[in-house]
Every structure is written in structure tokens, then in C-alpha cells.
């Protein structure tokens, strides 16, 4: 089972796969916290579900360059990797997943849409990574844990 993560400045969307890593489904939306409690909650989810890998979305630009959001996602993934080691954490290019997620929750009303869209984005990230791995063996970038 794998965990997918969409890192935002306010919320973190979480998804998980089935045991065969075929289908991604929404799990939770966590509030980002200055004290790192969201990372603790996420690490607990990884442990409780017995995840074998975590996939964190990397929001690169259309040209493939890193901006501020990508730097923040890399930093978040590095801190998560420290908390869940030895479970590997990988970064996966999330271009276009937000658009797909917005379309998938278009009928959800107002405030609820905000939390659901984060989960939907995590589903899109994880499903894209699972499909790419199955189709081409491409895995994404492994986040190295500082020791």
C-alpha cells in the first residue's frame, strides 16, 4: 500500500492505494501547522496503514523548473522522510493534477470543496505515479534522509 500526498500552504491532502497498488482513494485532509503536527499525523497514517512508500507531489512549472511551491514540497518531503524512515518517500511531478482534481470535485458545494480538492489532488498524484510505474517502471525522485 502506498500513500499519496498533496502539500499545500494551508492543507495537506492524503490518499492511499489498495494493497496491490492499482487504485488510489482519498483518505484525509490535514491542516498545516507551524508546530509540525500535520507531519506527525501523516507519519502516524503511514505507520498505521503499513505503507511501503509515500509519494509526495512536486509542483514544478510547465517548463519543469522548481519555484517556491516546489521548494516547499521538497522541504516537506524531506521532513516527512525523516519521520517515516525506513519507508521511502518519493517526489512525483504533479503538473496538471490540480486541474484534474478541480474537475473531479466541481459539484461539491463551497467550503466542503476546499477540503475535498486536497484529497482529490492527492488521489491524482498517487494514481499518476502508480500508472507511470506500472507502464514504464518510472518511479520519481527518492528523497534522501539526512543523517
C-alpha atoms as a PDB file:
ATOM      1  CA  UNK A   1       0.000   0.000   0.000  1.00  0.00           C
ATOM      2  CA  UNK A   2       1.207   3.484  -0.867  1.00  0.00           C
ATOM      3  CA  UNK A   3       0.333   6.917   0.472  1.00  0.00           C
ATOM      4  CA  UNK A   4      -0.018   9.963  -1.809  1.00  0.00           C
ATOM      5  CA  UNK A   5       0.421  13.491  -0.506  1.00  0.00           C
ATOM      6  CA  UNK A   6      -0.555  16.870  -1.939  1.00  0.00           C
ATOM      7  CA  UNK A   7       1.279  19.560   0.049  1.00  0.00           C
ATOM      8  CA  UNK A   8      -0.368  22.960   0.240  1.00  0.00           C
ATOM      9  CA  UNK A   9       0.333  26.024   2.333  1.00  0.00           C
ATOM     10  CA  UNK A  10      -2.903  25.625   4.322  1.00  0.00           C
ATOM     11  CA  UNK A  11      -3.860  21.962   3.916  1.00  0.00           C
ATOM     12  CA  UNK A  12      -2.303  18.606   3.048  1.00  0.00           C
ATOM     13  CA  UNK A  13      -4.342  16.137   1.029  1.00  0.00           C
ATOM     14  CA  UNK A  14      -3.753  12.445   1.666  1.00  0.00           C
ATOM     15  CA  UNK A  15      -4.666   9.418  -0.451  1.00  0.00           C
ATOM     16  CA  UNK A  16      -3.811   5.738  -0.279  1.00  0.00           C
ATOM     17  CA  UNK A  17      -3.678   2.863  -2.698  1.00  0.00           C
ATOM     18  CA  UNK A  18      -5.083  -0.607  -2.374  1.00  0.00           C
ATOM     19  CA  UNK A  19      -2.705  -3.398  -1.339  1.00  0.00           C
ATOM     20  CA  UNK A  20      -1.837  -4.173  -4.973  1.00  0.00           C
ATOM     21  CA  UNK A  21      -1.020  -0.512  -5.752  1.00  0.00           C
ATOM     22  CA  UNK A  22      -3.592  -0.302  -8.543  1.00  0.00           C
ATOM     23  CA  UNK A  23      -6.197   2.211  -7.344  1.00  0.00           C
ATOM     24  CA  UNK A  24      -5.801   5.406  -5.300  1.00  0.00           C
ATOM     25  CA  UNK A  25      -8.577   6.617  -2.986  1.00  0.00           C
ATOM     26  CA  UNK A  26      -8.957   9.693  -0.742  1.00  0.00           C
ATOM     27  CA  UNK A  27      -8.056   9.394   2.942  1.00  0.00           C
ATOM     28  CA  UNK A  28      -7.901  12.751   4.723  1.00  0.00           C
ATOM     29  CA  UNK A  29      -7.192  16.440   4.615  1.00  0.00           C
ATOM     30  CA  UNK A  30      -4.782  17.639   7.288  1.00  0.00           C
ATOM     31  CA  UNK A  31      -4.426  21.235   8.422  1.00  0.00           C
ATOM     32  CA  UNK A  32      -0.866  22.549   8.014  1.00  0.00           C
ATOM     33  CA  UNK A  33       0.555  23.535  11.374  1.00  0.00           C
ATOM     34  CA  UNK A  34       3.620  25.526  12.346  1.00  0.00           C
ATOM     35  CA  UNK A  35       4.421  23.012  15.091  1.00  0.00           C
ATOM     36  CA  UNK A  36       4.621  20.105  12.616  1.00  0.00           C
ATOM     37  CA  UNK A  37       1.575  18.296  13.996  1.00  0.00           C
ATOM     38  CA  UNK A  38       0.426  17.639  10.413  1.00  0.00           C
ATOM     39  CA  UNK A  39       3.684  15.791   9.752  1.00  0.00           C
ATOM     40  CA  UNK A  40       3.142  13.768  12.929  1.00  0.00           C
ATOM     41  CA  UNK A  41      -0.406  12.884  11.796  1.00  0.00           C
ATOM     42  CA  UNK A  42       0.862  11.920   8.361  1.00  0.00           C
ATOM     43  CA  UNK A  43       3.668   9.785   9.808  1.00  0.00           C
ATOM     44  CA  UNK A  44       1.087   8.044  12.013  1.00  0.00           C
ATOM     45  CA  UNK A  45      -1.086   7.339   8.934  1.00  0.00           C
ATOM     46  CA  UNK A  46       1.921   5.858   7.135  1.00  0.00           C
ATOM     47  CA  UNK A  47       2.669   3.588  10.107  1.00  0.00           C
ATOM     48  CA  UNK A  48      -0.967   2.650  10.839  1.00  0.00           C
ATOM     49  CA  UNK A  49      -1.631   1.658   7.244  1.00  0.00           C
ATOM     50  CA  UNK A  50       1.644  -0.208   6.858  1.00  0.00           C
ATOM     51  CA  UNK A  51       2.612   1.858   3.826  1.00  0.00           C
ATOM     52  CA  UNK A  52       5.595   0.658   1.808  1.00  0.00           C
ATOM     53  CA  UNK A  53       6.123   4.046   0.130  1.00  0.00           C
ATOM     54  CA  UNK A  54       4.978   7.662   0.245  1.00  0.00           C
ATOM     55  CA  UNK A  55       4.577   9.718  -2.941  1.00  0.00           C
ATOM     56  CA  UNK A  56       4.676  13.493  -2.486  1.00  0.00           C
ATOM     57  CA  UNK A  57       3.560  15.739  -5.332  1.00  0.00           C
ATOM     58  CA  UNK A  58       6.231  18.061  -6.724  1.00  0.00           C
ATOM     59  CA  UNK A  59       4.616  21.176  -8.220  1.00  0.00           C
ATOM     60  CA  UNK A  60       7.048  22.084 -10.973  1.00  0.00           C
ATOM     61  CA  UNK A  61       6.264  24.721 -13.568  1.00  0.00           C
ATOM     62  CA  UNK A  62       5.123  23.802 -17.071  1.00  0.00           C
ATOM     63  CA  UNK A  63       8.745  24.144 -18.178  1.00  0.00           C
ATOM     64  CA  UNK A  64       9.838  21.706 -15.465  1.00  0.00           C
ATOM     65  CA  UNK A  65      11.519  24.268 -13.234  1.00  0.00           C
ATOM     66  CA  UNK A  66      11.195  24.476  -9.473  1.00  0.00           C
ATOM     67  CA  UNK A  67       9.558  27.520  -7.956  1.00  0.00           C
ATOM     68  CA  UNK A  68       8.678  28.413  -4.367  1.00  0.00           C
ATOM     69  CA  UNK A  69       5.939  25.763  -4.169  1.00  0.00           C
ATOM     70  CA  UNK A  70       8.335  23.041  -5.360  1.00  0.00           C
ATOM     71  CA  UNK A  71      10.933  24.114  -2.800  1.00  0.00           C
ATOM     72  CA  UNK A  72       8.287  23.932  -0.069  1.00  0.00           C
ATOM     73  CA  UNK A  73       7.192  20.457  -1.232  1.00  0.00           C
ATOM     74  CA  UNK A  74      10.814  19.262  -1.265  1.00  0.00           C
ATOM     75  CA  UNK A  75      11.310  20.578   2.270  1.00  0.00           C
ATOM     76  CA  UNK A  76       8.077  18.955   3.484  1.00  0.00           C
ATOM     77  CA  UNK A  77       9.031  15.643   1.834  1.00  0.00           C
ATOM     78  CA  UNK A  78      12.477  15.731   3.463  1.00  0.00           C
ATOM     79  CA  UNK A  79      10.976  16.277   6.922  1.00  0.00           C
ATOM     80  CA  UNK A  80       8.418  13.540   6.296  1.00  0.00           C
ATOM     81  CA  UNK A  81      11.176  11.161   5.157  1.00  0.00           C
ATOM     82  CA  UNK A  82      12.995  11.726   8.458  1.00  0.00           C
ATOM     83  CA  UNK A  83       9.820  10.852  10.364  1.00  0.00           C
ATOM     84  CA  UNK A  84       8.863   7.716   8.419  1.00  0.00           C
ATOM     85  CA  UNK A  85      12.271   6.172   7.730  1.00  0.00           C
ATOM     86  CA  UNK A  86      12.839   3.415   6.603  1.00  0.00           C
ATOM     87  CA  UNK A  87       9.705   3.875   4.446  1.00  0.00           C
ATOM     88  CA  UNK A  88      10.900   5.558   1.231  1.00  0.00           C
ATOM     89  CA  UNK A  89       9.486   8.943   0.239  1.00  0.00           C
ATOM     90  CA  UNK A  90       9.476   9.890  -3.435  1.00  0.00           C
ATOM     91  CA  UNK A  91       8.691  13.138  -5.231  1.00  0.00           C
ATOM     92  CA  UNK A  92       6.464  12.855  -8.268  1.00  0.00           C
ATOM     93  CA  UNK A  93       5.812  15.581 -10.859  1.00  0.00           C
ATOM     94  CA  UNK A  94       2.271  16.773 -10.220  1.00  0.00           C
ATOM     95  CA  UNK A  95       1.796  19.021 -13.239  1.00  0.00           C
ATOM     96  CA  UNK A  96      -1.853  19.049 -14.332  1.00  0.00           C
ATOM     97  CA  UNK A  97      -3.114  17.110 -11.293  1.00  0.00           C
ATOM     98  CA  UNK A  98      -4.726  20.184  -9.721  1.00  0.00           C
ATOM     99  CA  UNK A  99      -6.778  20.811 -12.865  1.00  0.00           C
ATOM    100  CA  UNK A 100      -7.936  17.178 -12.880  1.00  0.00           C
ATOM    101  CA  UNK A 101      -8.742  17.355  -9.170  1.00  0.00           C
ATOM    102  CA  UNK A 102     -10.760  20.557  -9.616  1.00  0.00           C
ATOM    103  CA  UNK A 103     -12.791  18.927 -12.365  1.00  0.00           C
ATOM    104  CA  UNK A 104     -13.456  15.831 -10.263  1.00  0.00           C
ATOM    105  CA  UNK A 105     -14.940  17.861  -7.377  1.00  0.00           C
ATOM    106  CA  UNK A 106     -16.749  20.518  -9.392  1.00  0.00           C
ATOM    107  CA  UNK A 107     -20.150  19.503  -7.994  1.00  0.00           C
ATOM    108  CA  UNK A 108     -19.098  19.570  -4.341  1.00  0.00           C
ATOM    109  CA  UNK A 109     -20.544  22.670  -2.609  1.00  0.00           C
ATOM    110  CA  UNK A 110     -18.448  25.631  -1.356  1.00  0.00           C
ATOM    111  CA  UNK A 111     -16.485  25.071   1.860  1.00  0.00           C
ATOM    112  CA  UNK A 112     -16.504  21.295   1.592  1.00  0.00           C
ATOM    113  CA  UNK A 113     -14.855  21.603  -1.827  1.00  0.00           C
ATOM    114  CA  UNK A 114     -11.724  23.100  -0.237  1.00  0.00           C
ATOM    115  CA  UNK A 115     -11.005  20.009   1.835  1.00  0.00           C
ATOM    116  CA  UNK A 116     -12.142  17.534  -0.797  1.00  0.00           C
ATOM    117  CA  UNK A 117      -9.999  19.097  -3.516  1.00  0.00           C
ATOM    118  CA  UNK A 118      -6.846  18.490  -1.478  1.00  0.00           C
ATOM    119  CA  UNK A 119      -7.745  14.819  -1.171  1.00  0.00           C
ATOM    120  CA  UNK A 120      -8.642  14.659  -4.863  1.00  0.00           C
ATOM    121  CA  UNK A 121      -5.264  16.175  -5.761  1.00  0.00           C
ATOM    122  CA  UNK A 122      -3.518  13.562  -3.591  1.00  0.00           C
ATOM    123  CA  UNK A 123      -5.501  10.854  -5.401  1.00  0.00           C
ATOM    124  CA  UNK A 124      -4.452  12.277  -8.790  1.00  0.00           C
ATOM    125  CA  UNK A 125      -0.784  12.424  -7.737  1.00  0.00           C
ATOM    126  CA  UNK A 126      -0.765   8.881  -6.385  1.00  0.00           C
ATOM    127  CA  UNK A 127      -2.773   7.419  -9.272  1.00  0.00           C
ATOM    128  CA  UNK A 128      -0.465   9.076 -11.813  1.00  0.00           C
ATOM    129  CA  UNK A 129       2.579   7.685 -10.019  1.00  0.00           C
ATOM    130  CA  UNK A 130       1.079   4.187  -9.815  1.00  0.00           C
ATOM    131  CA  UNK A 131       0.118   4.236 -13.501  1.00  0.00           C
ATOM    132  CA  UNK A 132       3.551   5.508 -14.557  1.00  0.00           C
ATOM    133  CA  UNK A 133       5.317   2.863 -12.516  1.00  0.00           C
ATOM    134  CA  UNK A 134       3.157   0.101 -13.961  1.00  0.00           C
ATOM    135  CA  UNK A 135       3.506   1.389 -17.522  1.00  0.00           C
ATOM    136  CA  UNK A 136       7.156   2.338 -17.677  1.00  0.00           C
ATOM    137  CA  UNK A 137       8.773   1.439 -14.383  1.00  0.00           C
ATOM    138  CA  UNK A 138       9.321   5.152 -13.729  1.00  0.00           C
ATOM    139  CA  UNK A 139       9.286   5.870 -10.006  1.00  0.00           C
ATOM    140  CA  UNK A 140      10.013   9.525  -9.308  1.00  0.00           C
ATOM    141  CA  UNK A 141      12.794  11.054  -7.233  1.00  0.00           C
ATOM    142  CA  UNK A 142      13.788   9.373  -3.986  1.00  0.00           C
ATOM    143  CA  UNK A 143      14.065  11.789  -1.066  1.00  0.00           C
ATOM    144  CA  UNK A 144      17.359  11.182   0.725  1.00  0.00           C
ATOM    145  CA  UNK A 145      17.213  11.176   4.515  1.00  0.00           C
ATOM    146  CA  UNK A 146      19.837  13.350   6.205  1.00  0.00           C
ATOM    147  CA  UNK A 147      21.617  11.553   8.978  1.00  0.00           C
END
